């Protein structure tokens, strides 16, 4: 078998099945009048909210995709299809709970999540501590393991024009000792 000089078998095995894995997720939803604005499981008073099959929580959706991607378990659409009546108007926190169970079954623990919300208005910063607590509790984490930042769109693109909300997330997971 050809193998590069200097790479021992144990190191090669760690490369094939690394202890730590990263995943990236993002989500974008149009905003429309008459919908509740829910981000990170927190209802934020505003005249518009995300259009979606579920509650449209773009932050929770981005985190789901980051976690699923890190564990190579597909994406949010595979697990929570928008054609299923089961998920119609469902809280996206239910999605996160289910994703956590999938990670547990696959033998992974969540180390931390870093995320960014893009929303022109309303201001999200005052709601971030509640979002951190709610997301951490849902995922079985401590609030300091969930980072949330907020940005405006600076008047550019659908976010900047107030037509959409965007969220991006990255998750770090590790293989559990029992795996």
Protein backbone atom coordinates (compact mmCIF):
# COMPACT_ATOMS: atom_id res chain seq x y z
CA UNK A 1 0.00 0.00 0.00
CA UNK A 2 1.34 3.43 -0.93
CA UNK A 3 1.36 5.88 1.92
CA UNK A 4 3.20 9.16 2.25
CA UNK A 5 6.39 9.09 4.25
CA UNK A 6 5.96 10.18 7.83
CA UNK A 7 2.28 9.26 8.25
CA UNK A 8 1.89 6.45 10.73
CA UNK A 9 -1.10 4.14 10.68
CA UNK A 10 -2.61 5.62 13.86
CA UNK A 11 -2.46 9.13 12.41
CA UNK A 12 -4.05 7.94 9.17
CA UNK A 13 -6.89 6.35 11.16
CA UNK A 14 -7.46 9.63 13.03
CA UNK A 15 -7.69 11.44 9.68
CA UNK A 16 -10.34 8.95 8.50
CA UNK A 17 -12.39 9.24 11.72
CA UNK A 18 -11.44 12.53 13.39
CA UNK A 19 -12.35 13.16 17.01
CA UNK A 20 -13.47 16.71 16.17
CA UNK A 21 -15.75 17.73 13.32
CA UNK A 22 -17.02 21.10 12.06
CA UNK A 23 -20.29 21.86 10.35
CA UNK A 24 -21.63 24.98 8.67
CA UNK A 25 -25.27 25.92 8.31
CA UNK A 26 -27.19 28.86 6.89
CA UNK A 27 -30.80 29.79 6.35
CA UNK A 28 -32.71 32.62 4.71
CA UNK A 29 -36.41 33.41 5.00
CA UNK A 30 -38.50 36.11 3.39
CA UNK A 31 -40.27 38.38 5.89
CA UNK A 32 -44.01 38.98 5.60
CA UNK A 33 -46.66 40.81 7.61
CA UNK A 34 -48.82 38.70 9.89
CA UNK A 35 -46.09 36.22 10.84
CA UNK A 36 -44.42 36.07 14.25
CA UNK A 37 -40.71 36.86 14.33
CA UNK A 38 -39.07 34.00 16.20
CA UNK A 39 -35.29 33.70 16.39
CA UNK A 40 -33.45 31.26 18.61
CA UNK A 41 -36.79 30.21 20.05
CA UNK A 42 -37.54 33.75 21.25
CA UNK A 43 -40.53 35.75 20.01
CA UNK A 44 -39.43 39.27 19.09
CA UNK A 45 -42.14 41.93 18.74
CA UNK A 46 -42.24 43.12 15.12
CA UNK A 47 -44.82 43.62 12.38
CA UNK A 48 -43.25 40.99 10.09
CA UNK A 49 -41.98 37.47 10.51
CA UNK A 50 -40.34 34.74 8.45
CA UNK A 51 -42.33 32.86 5.84
CA UNK A 52 -41.88 29.14 6.34
CA UNK A 53 -43.56 25.78 6.77
CA UNK A 54 -42.56 25.70 10.45
CA UNK A 55 -42.16 28.78 12.64
CA UNK A 56 -39.41 29.94 10.24
CA UNK A 57 -36.77 30.34 12.96
CA UNK A 58 -33.78 30.95 10.66
CA UNK A 59 -31.29 30.80 13.55
CA UNK A 60 -32.49 27.41 14.78
CA UNK A 61 -32.53 26.13 11.19
CA UNK A 62 -28.94 27.25 10.54
CA UNK A 63 -27.81 25.58 13.78
CA UNK A 64 -29.62 22.36 12.83
CA UNK A 65 -27.82 22.30 9.49
CA UNK A 66 -24.45 23.03 11.11
CA UNK A 67 -24.89 20.16 13.58
CA UNK A 68 -26.24 17.73 10.99
CA UNK A 69 -23.43 18.63 8.59
CA UNK A 70 -20.74 18.19 11.24
CA UNK A 71 -21.96 14.64 11.87
CA UNK A 72 -22.55 13.95 8.14
CA UNK A 73 -26.24 13.27 8.83
CA UNK A 74 -27.73 15.19 5.90
CA UNK A 75 -29.58 18.48 6.14
CA UNK A 76 -32.67 19.98 7.72
CA UNK A 77 -34.82 19.32 4.62
CA UNK A 78 -34.07 15.61 4.81
CA UNK A 79 -35.15 15.33 8.45
CA UNK A 80 -37.95 17.94 8.51
CA UNK A 81 -39.43 18.16 5.00
CA UNK A 82 -41.64 21.15 4.26
CA UNK A 83 -44.11 18.73 2.66
CA UNK A 84 -44.84 17.01 5.98
CA UNK A 85 -47.95 18.10 7.89
CA UNK A 86 -46.13 17.00 11.07
CA UNK A 87 -43.85 20.06 10.86
CA UNK A 88 -46.49 22.62 9.78
CA UNK A 89 -46.13 25.63 12.13
CA UNK A 90 -43.91 23.54 14.43
CA UNK A 91 -41.46 25.17 16.81
CA UNK A 92 -37.95 24.87 15.41
CA UNK A 93 -36.80 24.05 18.94
CA UNK A 94 -38.37 20.62 18.29
CA UNK A 95 -36.01 20.31 15.31
CA UNK A 96 -33.03 21.10 17.53
CA UNK A 97 -34.11 18.53 20.14
CA UNK A 98 -34.41 15.89 17.44
CA UNK A 99 -31.00 16.80 15.97
CA UNK A 100 -29.46 16.52 19.44
CA UNK A 101 -30.89 12.99 19.76
CA UNK A 102 -29.48 12.09 16.33
CA UNK A 103 -26.03 13.31 17.39
CA UNK A 104 -26.26 11.35 20.64
CA UNK A 105 -27.19 8.20 18.71
CA UNK A 106 -24.29 8.76 16.29
CA UNK A 107 -21.89 9.15 19.22
CA UNK A 108 -21.17 12.88 19.08
CA UNK A 109 -21.18 15.62 21.71
CA UNK A 110 -21.64 19.30 20.89
CA UNK A 111 -18.74 21.47 22.03
CA UNK A 112 -19.88 24.88 20.84
CA UNK A 113 -21.92 26.82 18.31
CA UNK A 114 -21.11 30.21 16.80
CA UNK A 115 -23.81 32.00 14.85
CA UNK A 116 -24.72 35.28 13.20
CA UNK A 117 -28.18 36.69 12.50
CA UNK A 118 -28.61 39.14 9.63
CA UNK A 119 -31.66 41.37 10.10
CA UNK A 120 -32.09 45.04 9.26
CA UNK A 121 -34.68 45.63 11.95
CA UNK A 122 -35.73 45.23 14.68
CA UNK A 123 -32.56 45.28 16.72
CA UNK A 124 -31.76 41.74 17.85
CA UNK A 125 -28.98 42.43 20.37
CA UNK A 126 -31.31 42.95 23.38
CA UNK A 127 -32.76 39.46 22.80
CA UNK A 128 -29.48 37.56 22.44
CA UNK A 129 -29.10 36.51 26.12
CA UNK A 130 -32.59 34.91 26.07
CA UNK A 131 -31.81 33.20 22.76
CA UNK A 132 -28.55 31.81 24.16
CA UNK A 133 -30.32 30.43 27.23
CA UNK A 134 -33.18 28.91 25.24
CA UNK A 135 -30.93 27.32 22.60
CA UNK A 136 -28.48 26.04 25.22
CA UNK A 137 -31.28 24.48 27.27
CA UNK A 138 -32.77 22.85 24.17
CA UNK A 139 -29.40 21.35 23.17
CA UNK A 140 -28.27 20.38 26.68
CA UNK A 141 -25.47 22.97 26.65
CA UNK A 142 -24.41 25.89 28.82
CA UNK A 143 -25.23 29.38 27.49
CA UNK A 144 -21.53 30.22 27.05
CA UNK A 145 -21.30 27.37 24.51
CA UNK A 146 -23.74 29.19 22.22
CA UNK A 147 -22.46 32.40 20.61
CA UNK A 148 -24.91 34.64 18.77
CA UNK A 149 -24.00 37.83 16.95
CA UNK A 150 -26.31 40.22 15.13
CA UNK A 151 -25.62 42.22 11.99
CA UNK A 152 -27.68 44.47 9.78
CA UNK A 153 -27.57 44.27 6.01
CA UNK A 154 -26.31 47.87 5.70
CA UNK A 155 -29.12 48.53 3.24
CA UNK A 156 -27.75 45.92 0.81
CA UNK A 157 -29.54 42.81 -0.55
CA UNK A 158 -32.82 41.36 0.74
CA UNK A 159 -31.67 41.53 4.37
CA UNK A 160 -30.60 45.16 4.05
CA UNK A 161 -33.89 46.12 2.40
CA UNK A 162 -35.81 44.49 5.29
CA UNK A 163 -37.23 41.75 3.05
CA UNK A 164 -35.50 38.78 4.68
CA UNK A 165 -33.75 37.36 7.73
CA UNK A 166 -30.56 35.33 7.37
CA UNK A 167 -28.67 33.20 9.85
CA UNK A 168 -25.31 31.45 9.62
CA UNK A 169 -23.89 28.97 12.11
CA UNK A 170 -20.87 26.81 12.66
CA UNK A 171 -20.77 23.92 15.11
CA UNK A 172 -17.92 21.98 16.63
CA UNK A 173 -18.68 18.44 17.75
CA UNK A 174 -16.49 15.66 19.10
CA UNK A 175 -16.74 11.93 19.05
CA UNK A 176 -17.90 10.74 22.46
CA UNK A 177 -15.48 8.66 24.50
CA UNK A 178 -17.97 5.77 24.45
CA UNK A 179 -18.01 5.67 20.60
